[in-house]
Amino acid sequence: MTNKKEFARILYMQGEAQFSIAEKASVSKVTINKWVKAGAWESLRAAATITRPELVNKLLHSINILLDEVNTTKDPKLLATLGDKLSKFASTIEKLDKKANVVDAIEVFMAFGKWMQYRLTVDPEVTPELIKAINKFQDLYISEQINK
């Protein structure tokens, strides 16, 4: 069951739908749903699939909306908080730049995981156990980098 769960997690992280994962892992949809919730897979997948440039663009878009609102309304309360909000946005963007290596690593690990799934079908040296071991160390690396 552990191998099925790890296989399901890999498929989930690659964006597969839960019903498809259930079929491929030969378990029920309910089981997949339980694993997703218990392992917080949804958060992991969200963190792994959004790229740094996308986050920076969203932040810059938010700054643009805030500036437009200030320019349009001339609200003194909004003007008073503008500096603080812009400072927080700038700090967040700076932190994203520092975490770029982790985000890049996640993107590479995801691509590598997809490639390993393909290799599993054509290369007898690639086993589910090997993929599981690689994933374990990739997850450990990411966790350690994030918690620095």
Protein backbone atom coordinates (compact mmCIF):
# COMPACT_ATOMS: atom_id res chain seq x y z
CA MET A 1 0.00 0.00 0.00
CA THR A 2 2.94 2.31 0.68
CA ASN A 3 4.11 1.97 -2.93
CA LYS A 4 0.60 2.73 -4.18
CA LYS A 5 0.44 5.80 -1.96
CA GLU A 6 3.82 7.08 -3.19
CA PHE A 7 2.82 6.39 -6.79
CA ALA A 8 -0.44 8.27 -6.20
CA ARG A 9 1.43 11.21 -4.63
CA ILE A 10 3.75 11.44 -7.63
CA LEU A 11 0.81 11.44 -10.04
CA TYR A 12 -1.02 14.03 -7.92
CA MET A 13 2.04 16.30 -7.85
CA GLN A 14 2.19 16.04 -11.64
CA GLY A 15 -1.35 17.39 -11.90
CA GLU A 16 -3.33 14.19 -12.46
CA ALA A 17 -7.00 14.22 -11.47
CA GLN A 18 -7.91 12.19 -8.39
CA PHE A 19 -10.23 9.80 -10.26
CA SER A 20 -7.45 9.05 -12.75
CA ILE A 21 -4.96 8.47 -9.92
CA ALA A 22 -7.40 6.08 -8.25
CA GLU A 23 -7.62 4.02 -11.43
CA LYS A 24 -3.87 3.98 -12.04
CA ALA A 25 -2.99 3.15 -8.42
CA SER A 26 -5.82 0.60 -8.14
CA VAL A 27 -7.36 2.19 -5.05
CA SER A 28 -10.67 3.89 -4.40
CA LYS A 29 -11.34 7.58 -4.98
CA VAL A 30 -12.09 7.86 -1.27
CA THR A 31 -8.63 6.53 -0.44
CA ILE A 32 -7.00 9.06 -2.76
CA ASN A 33 -9.05 11.84 -1.18
CA LYS A 34 -7.95 10.75 2.31
CA TRP A 35 -4.30 10.65 1.27
CA VAL A 36 -4.55 14.10 -0.32
CA LYS A 37 -6.03 15.59 2.86
CA ALA A 38 -3.80 13.73 5.33
CA GLY A 39 -0.60 14.52 3.44
CA ALA A 40 -1.55 18.11 2.56
CA TRP A 41 -0.82 17.22 -1.06
CA GLU A 42 -2.95 20.08 -2.33
CA SER A 43 -0.71 22.67 -0.66
CA LEU A 44 2.41 20.88 -1.84
CA ARG A 45 1.14 20.78 -5.41
CA ALA A 46 0.16 24.44 -5.31
CA ALA A 47 3.60 25.36 -4.00
CA ALA A 48 5.30 23.23 -6.61
CA THR A 49 3.31 24.39 -9.61
CA ILE A 50 3.40 28.16 -9.28
CA THR A 51 6.57 29.72 -10.57
CA ARG A 52 8.50 32.64 -9.12
CA PRO A 53 7.83 34.86 -12.16
CA GLU A 54 4.09 34.18 -11.79
CA LEU A 55 4.20 35.19 -8.13
CA VAL A 56 6.18 38.33 -8.88
CA ASN A 57 3.76 39.24 -11.69
CA LYS A 58 0.79 38.79 -9.35
CA LEU A 59 2.45 41.02 -6.76
CA LEU A 60 3.26 43.67 -9.35
CA HIS A 61 -0.32 43.51 -10.60
CA SER A 62 -1.55 44.01 -7.03
CA ILE A 63 0.74 47.03 -6.65
CA ASN A 64 -0.63 48.47 -9.89
CA ILE A 65 -4.22 48.03 -8.69
CA LEU A 66 -3.35 49.67 -5.36
CA LEU A 67 -1.72 52.65 -7.10
CA ASP A 68 -4.67 53.04 -9.47
CA GLU A 69 -7.05 53.00 -6.50
CA VAL A 70 -5.00 55.65 -4.67
CA ASN A 71 -4.85 57.85 -7.77
CA THR A 72 -8.57 57.48 -8.45
CA THR A 73 -10.04 57.90 -4.98
CA LYS A 74 -7.57 60.33 -3.36
CA ASP A 75 -8.66 58.70 -0.08
CA PRO A 76 -6.41 60.08 2.72
CA LYS A 77 -6.64 56.81 4.68
CA LEU A 78 -5.53 54.85 1.65
CA LEU A 79 -2.71 57.32 1.01
CA ALA A 80 -1.57 56.95 4.62
CA THR A 81 -1.24 53.18 4.29
CA LEU A 82 0.30 53.22 0.80
CA GLY A 83 3.92 53.37 1.96
CA ASP A 84 3.51 50.45 4.35
CA LYS A 85 1.76 48.31 1.74
CA LEU A 86 4.37 49.06 -0.92
CA SER A 87 7.13 48.24 1.57
CA LYS A 88 5.51 44.87 2.31
CA PHE A 89 5.17 44.10 -1.40
CA ALA A 90 8.83 45.00 -1.98
CA SER A 91 9.90 42.81 0.94
CA THR A 92 7.88 39.87 -0.39
CA ILE A 93 9.39 40.23 -3.87
CA GLU A 94 12.88 40.39 -2.33
CA LYS A 95 12.20 37.18 -0.36
CA LEU A 96 11.01 35.47 -3.52
CA ASP A 97 14.26 36.37 -5.19
CA LYS A 98 16.20 34.82 -2.30
CA LYS A 99 14.09 31.67 -2.53
CA ALA A 100 14.58 31.45 -6.27
CA ASN A 101 16.92 28.51 -5.93
CA VAL A 102 14.27 26.52 -4.05
CA VAL A 103 11.58 27.38 -6.58
CA ASP A 104 13.91 26.49 -9.44
CA ALA A 105 14.78 23.21 -7.71
CA ILE A 106 11.09 22.36 -7.33
CA GLU A 107 10.50 23.01 -11.02
CA VAL A 108 13.47 20.83 -11.99
CA PHE A 109 12.40 18.07 -9.58
CA MET A 110 8.89 18.09 -11.08
CA ALA A 111 10.26 17.78 -14.63
CA PHE A 112 12.66 15.09 -13.49
CA GLY A 113 9.79 13.21 -11.80
CA LYS A 114 7.81 13.18 -15.04
CA TRP A 115 10.85 11.96 -16.91
CA MET A 116 11.41 9.20 -14.31
CA GLN A 117 7.77 8.09 -14.71
CA TYR A 118 8.40 7.72 -18.42
CA ARG A 119 11.69 5.86 -17.79
CA LEU A 120 9.81 3.50 -15.48
CA THR A 121 7.91 2.23 -18.53
CA VAL A 122 10.98 1.66 -20.71
CA ASP A 123 13.97 1.08 -18.43
CA PRO A 124 14.10 -2.00 -16.18
CA GLU A 125 16.66 -0.30 -13.91
CA VAL A 126 14.10 2.34 -12.93
CA THR A 127 11.84 0.90 -10.25
CA PRO A 128 9.10 2.37 -8.08
CA GLU A 129 11.49 1.92 -5.13
CA LEU A 130 14.14 4.01 -6.88
CA ILE A 131 11.62 6.75 -7.64
CA LYS A 132 10.43 6.67 -4.04
CA ALA A 133 14.00 7.05 -2.74
CA ILE A 134 14.73 9.92 -5.11
CA ASN A 135 11.49 11.69 -4.11
CA LYS A 136 12.36 11.27 -0.44
CA PHE A 137 15.67 13.09 -0.88
CA GLN A 138 14.20 15.75 -3.15
CA ASP A 139 11.52 16.49 -0.54
CA LEU A 140 14.15 16.59 2.19
CA TYR A 141 16.30 19.00 0.17
CA ILE A 142 13.37 21.33 -0.47
CA SER A 143 12.26 21.22 3.14
CA GLU A 144 15.76 22.05 4.39
CA GLN A 145 16.14 24.91 1.89
CA ILE A 146 12.80 26.45 2.80
CA ASN A 147 13.52 26.27 6.53
CA LYS A 148 16.96 27.94 6.32
